[in-house]
Amino acid sequence: MSKVIHLFRHGQTDWNIGRRLQGHTDIPLNSEGRKQAETLQEYFAKNPVELIFSSDLSRAKETAAIANLYQQAPAFYFNSFREVKLGEIEGLTYDQILAAYGEEAWQKWQSIQPENYHFAFKDGEPAFAALKRFKEALEKCCREYDFTAAGLCTHGLMMRRFIHSLRPDLKEPMAVPNCSVFAIHWEEDKGFSFPSEV
């Protein structure tokens, strides 16, 4: 059994513009974010899906709803597909984090290297824990829902960490712009994979 999951990031928010980290904070799309989400309608017209999964945060739910406007695929929302929980840096800007914690801590947090996957700011979610809950939830969806292609609207850091966990050969952090899409493959006996033609 083989399935494709079209993994896509939510549209822009005002906090994205201000480089303010959102995490689990429920920040809505802005007008530009809604326009970005509309561009996904063409993508899914060319790459139709039978189901839409999404984070339960409003910026993801609204992006998924706009992307799904014409297909009207059944939609399901899960807190397991939320952004990485950021802890005490949630709501801070990049400059505020650097001033309070320093460049070394920030680089560890942003790192795609497995040796840093246990690092987190206070009350935050380390990469290994975020990946575990995300992968387990997506695996469950693949096994329990009947589809050959589905969409999944989630969040930038979560997407980057998931993709790099599938492709440790990628040495530079992947750019994940708002409303970008990456096709992930799942096979019952092999699990998830991300094609090499990135």
C-alpha atoms as a PDB file:
ATOM      1  CA  MET A   1       0.000   0.000   0.000  1.00  0.00           C
ATOM      2  CA  SER A   2       1.425   3.360  -1.080  1.00  0.00           C
ATOM      3  CA  LYS A   3       0.150   6.863  -0.267  1.00  0.00           C
ATOM      4  CA  VAL A   4       1.194  10.451  -0.994  1.00  0.00           C
ATOM      5  CA  ILE A   5       0.849  13.279   1.521  1.00  0.00           C
ATOM      6  CA  HIS A   6       1.113  16.813   0.140  1.00  0.00           C
ATOM      7  CA  LEU A   7       2.622  18.630   3.095  1.00  0.00           C
ATOM      8  CA  PHE A   8       1.971  22.382   2.986  1.00  0.00           C
ATOM      9  CA  ARG A   9       2.681  25.303   5.261  1.00  0.00           C
ATOM     10  CA  HIS A  10       0.045  27.801   6.372  1.00  0.00           C
ATOM     11  CA  GLY A  11      -0.174  31.305   4.875  1.00  0.00           C
ATOM     12  CA  GLN A  12       1.418  34.441   6.231  1.00  0.00           C
ATOM     13  CA  THR A  13       0.476  36.008   9.572  1.00  0.00           C
ATOM     14  CA  ASP A  14       1.368  39.387  11.073  1.00  0.00           C
ATOM     15  CA  TRP A  15       3.749  37.591  13.421  1.00  0.00           C
ATOM     16  CA  ASN A  16       5.568  36.075  10.434  1.00  0.00           C
ATOM     17  CA  ILE A  17       6.172  39.593   9.093  1.00  0.00           C
ATOM     18  CA  GLY A  18       7.568  40.738  12.442  1.00  0.00           C
ATOM     19  CA  ARG A  19       9.742  37.592  12.802  1.00  0.00           C
ATOM     20  CA  ARG A  20       7.866  36.808  16.009  1.00  0.00           C
ATOM     21  CA  LEU A  21       7.813  33.119  16.872  1.00  0.00           C
ATOM     22  CA  GLN A  22       4.322  31.665  17.073  1.00  0.00           C
ATOM     23  CA  GLY A  23       4.607  28.068  18.230  1.00  0.00           C
ATOM     24  CA  HIS A  24       1.266  27.018  19.745  1.00  0.00           C
ATOM     25  CA  THR A  25       0.004  30.624  19.969  1.00  0.00           C
ATOM     26  CA  ASP A  26      -3.105  30.843  17.790  1.00  0.00           C
ATOM     27  CA  ILE A  27      -2.370  33.698  15.369  1.00  0.00           C
ATOM     28  CA  PRO A  28      -4.740  34.128  12.374  1.00  0.00           C
ATOM     29  CA  LEU A  29      -3.805  34.630   8.746  1.00  0.00           C
ATOM     30  CA  ASN A  30      -3.481  38.184   7.478  1.00  0.00           C
ATOM     31  CA  SER A  31      -4.828  39.328   4.094  1.00  0.00           C
ATOM     32  CA  GLU A  32      -1.596  38.358   2.308  1.00  0.00           C
ATOM     33  CA  GLY A  33      -1.763  34.930   3.922  1.00  0.00           C
ATOM     34  CA  ARG A  34      -5.259  34.397   2.525  1.00  0.00           C
ATOM     35  CA  LYS A  35      -4.060  35.374  -0.951  1.00  0.00           C
ATOM     36  CA  GLN A  36      -1.170  32.930  -0.615  1.00  0.00           C
ATOM     37  CA  ALA A  37      -3.601  30.180   0.386  1.00  0.00           C
ATOM     38  CA  GLU A  38      -5.632  30.847  -2.757  1.00  0.00           C
ATOM     39  CA  THR A  39      -2.602  29.894  -4.866  1.00  0.00           C
ATOM     40  CA  LEU A  40      -2.858  26.400  -3.404  1.00  0.00           C
ATOM     41  CA  GLN A  41      -6.207  25.912  -5.139  1.00  0.00           C
ATOM     42  CA  GLU A  42      -4.403  25.589  -8.471  1.00  0.00           C
ATOM     43  CA  TYR A  43      -1.873  23.179  -6.967  1.00  0.00           C
ATOM     44  CA  PHE A  44      -4.591  20.883  -5.667  1.00  0.00           C
ATOM     45  CA  ALA A  45      -6.533  21.157  -8.935  1.00  0.00           C
ATOM     46  CA  LYS A  46      -3.454  19.634 -10.586  1.00  0.00           C
ATOM     47  CA  ASN A  47      -2.714  17.297  -7.656  1.00  0.00           C
ATOM     48  CA  PRO A  48      -6.153  16.253  -6.358  1.00  0.00           C
ATOM     49  CA  VAL A  49      -6.500  14.732  -2.904  1.00  0.00           C
ATOM     50  CA  GLU A  50      -9.218  12.649  -1.276  1.00  0.00           C
ATOM     51  CA  LEU A  51      -8.689  14.022   2.246  1.00  0.00           C
ATOM     52  CA  ILE A  52      -7.268  17.086   3.956  1.00  0.00           C
ATOM     53  CA  PHE A  53      -5.558  16.874   7.345  1.00  0.00           C
ATOM     54  CA  SER A  54      -4.532  19.968   9.281  1.00  0.00           C
ATOM     55  CA  SER A  55      -3.168  21.359  12.491  1.00  0.00           C
ATOM     56  CA  ASP A  56      -6.018  22.631  14.649  1.00  0.00           C
ATOM     57  CA  LEU A  57      -4.495  26.129  14.935  1.00  0.00           C
ATOM     58  CA  SER A  58      -6.515  28.749  13.053  1.00  0.00           C
ATOM     59  CA  ARG A  59      -3.754  29.816  10.647  1.00  0.00           C
ATOM     60  CA  ALA A  60      -3.477  26.231   9.405  1.00  0.00           C
ATOM     61  CA  LYS A  61      -7.205  25.481   9.439  1.00  0.00           C
ATOM     62  CA  GLU A  62      -8.009  28.592   7.402  1.00  0.00           C
ATOM     63  CA  THR A  63      -5.223  27.877   4.916  1.00  0.00           C
ATOM     64  CA  ALA A  64      -6.502  24.317   4.502  1.00  0.00           C
ATOM     65  CA  ALA A  65     -10.086  25.528   4.029  1.00  0.00           C
ATOM     66  CA  ILE A  66      -9.079  28.060   1.345  1.00  0.00           C
ATOM     67  CA  ALA A  67      -6.878  25.515  -0.439  1.00  0.00           C
ATOM     68  CA  ASN A  68      -9.749  23.014  -0.334  1.00  0.00           C
ATOM     69  CA  LEU A  69     -12.457  25.467  -1.437  1.00  0.00           C
ATOM     70  CA  TYR A  70     -13.194  23.844  -4.805  1.00  0.00           C
ATOM     71  CA  GLN A  71     -12.271  20.232  -4.099  1.00  0.00           C
ATOM     72  CA  GLN A  72     -14.266  20.087  -0.870  1.00  0.00           C
ATOM     73  CA  ALA A  73     -12.364  17.019   0.309  1.00  0.00           C
ATOM     74  CA  PRO A  74     -13.312  15.855   3.819  1.00  0.00           C
ATOM     75  CA  ALA A  75     -11.130  17.690   6.370  1.00  0.00           C
ATOM     76  CA  PHE A  76      -9.808  16.480   9.728  1.00  0.00           C
ATOM     77  CA  TYR A  77      -7.990  18.571  12.356  1.00  0.00           C
ATOM     78  CA  PHE A  78      -5.443  17.344  14.903  1.00  0.00           C
ATOM     79  CA  ASN A  79      -3.421  19.066  17.617  1.00  0.00           C
ATOM     80  CA  SER A  80      -0.627  16.558  16.886  1.00  0.00           C
ATOM     81  CA  PHE A  81       0.080  18.499  13.666  1.00  0.00           C
ATOM     82  CA  ARG A  82       0.679  21.791  15.494  1.00  0.00           C
ATOM     83  CA  GLU A  83       3.919  23.726  15.305  1.00  0.00           C
ATOM     84  CA  VAL A  84       6.774  22.798  17.626  1.00  0.00           C
ATOM     85  CA  LYS A  85       6.007  24.125  21.112  1.00  0.00           C
ATOM     86  CA  LEU A  86       8.527  26.899  21.744  1.00  0.00           C
ATOM     87  CA  GLY A  87       8.251  27.383  25.482  1.00  0.00           C
ATOM     88  CA  GLU A  88       9.511  30.654  26.926  1.00  0.00           C
ATOM     89  CA  ILE A  89      10.672  32.015  23.552  1.00  0.00           C
ATOM     90  CA  GLU A  90       7.137  31.849  22.148  1.00  0.00           C
ATOM     91  CA  GLY A  91       5.968  35.351  21.211  1.00  0.00           C
ATOM     92  CA  LEU A  92       9.504  36.755  21.074  1.00  0.00           C
ATOM     93  CA  THR A  93      11.189  38.132  17.996  1.00  0.00           C
ATOM     94  CA  TYR A  94      14.427  36.765  16.584  1.00  0.00           C
ATOM     95  CA  ASP A  95      16.341  39.819  17.907  1.00  0.00           C
ATOM     96  CA  GLN A  96      14.839  39.445  21.384  1.00  0.00           C
ATOM     97  CA  ILE A  97      15.856  35.788  21.509  1.00  0.00           C
ATOM     98  CA  LEU A  98      19.422  36.568  20.470  1.00  0.00           C
ATOM     99  CA  ALA A  99      19.649  39.313  23.081  1.00  0.00           C
ATOM    100  CA  ALA A 100      18.272  37.115  25.879  1.00  0.00           C
ATOM    101  CA  TYR A 101      19.837  33.734  25.086  1.00  0.00           C
ATOM    102  CA  GLY A 102      22.724  34.296  22.672  1.00  0.00           C
ATOM    103  CA  GLU A 103      23.639  33.017  19.239  1.00  0.00           C
ATOM    104  CA  GLU A 104      24.821  29.571  20.405  1.00  0.00           C
ATOM    105  CA  ALA A 105      21.479  28.654  21.965  1.00  0.00           C
ATOM    106  CA  TRP A 106      19.619  29.893  18.885  1.00  0.00           C
ATOM    107  CA  GLN A 107      21.835  27.841  16.561  1.00  0.00           C
ATOM    108  CA  LYS A 108      21.237  24.705  18.643  1.00  0.00           C
ATOM    109  CA  TRP A 109      17.497  25.306  18.481  1.00  0.00           C
ATOM    110  CA  GLN A 110      17.569  25.800  14.708  1.00  0.00           C
ATOM    111  CA  SER A 111      19.955  22.911  14.128  1.00  0.00           C
ATOM    112  CA  ILE A 112      19.079  20.072  11.765  1.00  0.00           C
ATOM    113  CA  GLN A 113      21.779  17.876  13.322  1.00  0.00           C
ATOM    114  CA  PRO A 114      20.459  14.928  15.389  1.00  0.00           C
ATOM    115  CA  GLU A 115      22.967  15.625  18.183  1.00  0.00           C
ATOM    116  CA  ASN A 116      20.994  18.801  18.962  1.00  0.00           C
ATOM    117  CA  TYR A 117      17.539  17.186  18.881  1.00  0.00           C
ATOM    118  CA  HIS A 118      17.350  17.101  22.690  1.00  0.00           C
ATOM    119  CA  PHE A 119      17.889  20.848  23.055  1.00  0.00           C
ATOM    120  CA  ALA A 120      14.928  23.087  23.895  1.00  0.00           C
ATOM    121  CA  PHE A 121      14.306  26.397  25.609  1.00  0.00           C
ATOM    122  CA  LYS A 122      12.506  26.217  28.967  1.00  0.00           C
ATOM    123  CA  ASP A 123       9.037  24.666  28.632  1.00  0.00           C
ATOM    124  CA  GLY A 124       9.680  24.036  24.946  1.00  0.00           C
ATOM    125  CA  GLU A 125       9.474  20.846  22.924  1.00  0.00           C
ATOM    126  CA  PRO A 126      12.780  19.349  21.761  1.00  0.00           C
ATOM    127  CA  ALA A 127      12.991  18.207  18.152  1.00  0.00           C
ATOM    128  CA  PHE A 128      12.919  14.497  18.992  1.00  0.00           C
ATOM    129  CA  ALA A 129       9.632  14.884  20.914  1.00  0.00           C
ATOM    130  CA  ALA A 130       7.987  17.024  18.226  1.00  0.00           C
ATOM    131  CA  LEU A 131       9.017  14.558  15.529  1.00  0.00           C
ATOM    132  CA  LYS A 132       7.706  11.629  17.549  1.00  0.00           C
ATOM    133  CA  ARG A 133       4.202  13.050  18.045  1.00  0.00           C
ATOM    134  CA  PHE A 134       4.019  14.315  14.427  1.00  0.00           C
ATOM    135  CA  LYS A 135       5.206  11.067  12.835  1.00  0.00           C
ATOM    136  CA  GLU A 136       3.014   8.898  15.054  1.00  0.00           C
ATOM    137  CA  ALA A 137      -0.070  10.966  14.202  1.00  0.00           C
ATOM    138  CA  LEU A 138       0.668  10.917  10.466  1.00  0.00           C
ATOM    139  CA  GLU A 139       1.396   7.192  10.524  1.00  0.00           C
ATOM    140  CA  LYS A 140      -1.945   6.636  12.257  1.00  0.00           C
ATOM    141  CA  CYS A 141      -3.730   8.689   9.594  1.00  0.00           C
ATOM    142  CA  CYS A 142      -2.061   6.680   6.836  1.00  0.00           C
ATOM    143  CA  ARG A 143      -3.122   3.406   8.397  1.00  0.00           C
ATOM    144  CA  GLU A 144      -6.638   4.339   9.520  1.00  0.00           C
ATOM    145  CA  TYR A 145      -7.918   6.586   6.695  1.00  0.00           C
ATOM    146  CA  ASP A 146      -8.684   5.331   3.199  1.00  0.00           C
ATOM    147  CA  PHE A 147      -6.864   7.488   0.626  1.00  0.00           C
ATOM    148  CA  THR A 148      -4.129   7.377  -1.991  1.00  0.00           C
ATOM    149  CA  ALA A 149      -3.397  11.141  -1.829  1.00  0.00           C
ATOM    150  CA  ALA A 150      -4.052  13.606   0.994  1.00  0.00           C
ATOM    151  CA  GLY A 151      -3.073  17.150   1.924  1.00  0.00           C
ATOM    152  CA  LEU A 152      -1.667  18.127   5.315  1.00  0.00           C
ATOM    153  CA  CYS A 153      -1.481  21.760   6.414  1.00  0.00           C
ATOM    154  CA  THR A 154       1.035  22.307   9.168  1.00  0.00           C
ATOM    155  CA  HIS A 155       3.830  24.686  10.248  1.00  0.00           C
ATOM    156  CA  GLY A 156       7.277  25.768   9.093  1.00  0.00           C
ATOM    157  CA  LEU A 157       9.618  24.471  11.781  1.00  0.00           C
ATOM    158  CA  MET A 158       7.664  21.244  12.109  1.00  0.00           C
ATOM    159  CA  MET A 159       7.842  20.682   8.352  1.00  0.00           C
ATOM    160  CA  ARG A 160      11.567  21.397   8.214  1.00  0.00           C
ATOM    161  CA  ARG A 161      12.350  19.029  11.066  1.00  0.00           C
ATOM    162  CA  PHE A 162      10.180  16.290   9.598  1.00  0.00           C
ATOM    163  CA  ILE A 163      11.715  16.551   6.125  1.00  0.00           C
ATOM    164  CA  HIS A 164      15.272  16.605   7.479  1.00  0.00           C
ATOM    165  CA  SER A 165      14.517  13.545   9.606  1.00  0.00           C
ATOM    166  CA  LEU A 166      13.657  11.731   6.353  1.00  0.00           C
ATOM    167  CA  ARG A 167      16.632  13.161   4.458  1.00  0.00           C
ATOM    168  CA  PRO A 168      19.679  13.379   6.747  1.00  0.00           C
ATOM    169  CA  ASP A 169      21.793  13.846   3.620  1.00  0.00           C
ATOM    170  CA  LEU A 170      20.430  17.400   3.259  1.00  0.00           C
ATOM    171  CA  LYS A 171      23.106  19.446   4.994  1.00  0.00           C
ATOM    172  CA  GLU A 172      21.587  22.927   4.696  1.00  0.00           C
ATOM    173  CA  PRO A 173      18.294  23.843   6.421  1.00  0.00           C
ATOM    174  CA  MET A 174      15.471  23.682   3.916  1.00  0.00           C
ATOM    175  CA  ALA A 175      13.581  26.867   3.160  1.00  0.00           C
ATOM    176  CA  VAL A 176       9.874  26.421   3.914  1.00  0.00           C
ATOM    177  CA  PRO A 177       8.068  29.581   2.744  1.00  0.00           C
ATOM    178  CA  ASN A 178       4.427  30.205   3.554  1.00  0.00           C
ATOM    179  CA  CYS A 179       2.162  27.932   1.457  1.00  0.00           C
ATOM    180  CA  SER A 180       5.064  25.906   0.044  1.00  0.00           C
ATOM    181  CA  VAL A 181       4.238  22.248  -0.691  1.00  0.00           C
ATOM    182  CA  PHE A 182       6.359  19.098  -0.409  1.00  0.00           C
ATOM    183  CA  ALA A 183       5.153  15.636  -1.453  1.00  0.00           C
ATOM    184  CA  ILE A 184       5.914  12.934   1.103  1.00  0.00           C
ATOM    185  CA  HIS A 185       5.478   9.242   0.314  1.00  0.00           C
ATOM    186  CA  TRP A 186       4.336   6.513   2.697  1.00  0.00           C
ATOM    187  CA  GLU A 187       4.464   2.758   2.216  1.00  0.00           C
ATOM    188  CA  GLU A 188       2.992   0.318   4.692  1.00  0.00           C
ATOM    189  CA  ASP A 189       6.174  -1.735   5.010  1.00  0.00           C
ATOM    190  CA  LYS A 190       8.739   1.090   4.647  1.00  0.00           C
ATOM    191  CA  GLY A 191       7.192   4.142   6.295  1.00  0.00           C
ATOM    192  CA  PHE A 192       7.816   7.702   5.099  1.00  0.00           C
ATOM    193  CA  SER A 193      10.192   8.949   2.443  1.00  0.00           C
ATOM    194  CA  PHE A 194      10.985  12.246   0.757  1.00  0.00           C
ATOM    195  CA  PRO A 195      12.219  12.024  -2.847  1.00  0.00           C
ATOM    196  CA  SER A 196      15.769  13.025  -3.662  1.00  0.00           C
ATOM    197  CA  GLU A 197      14.810  15.516  -6.383  1.00  0.00           C
ATOM    198  CA  VAL A 198      14.399  18.491  -4.049  1.00  0.00           C
END
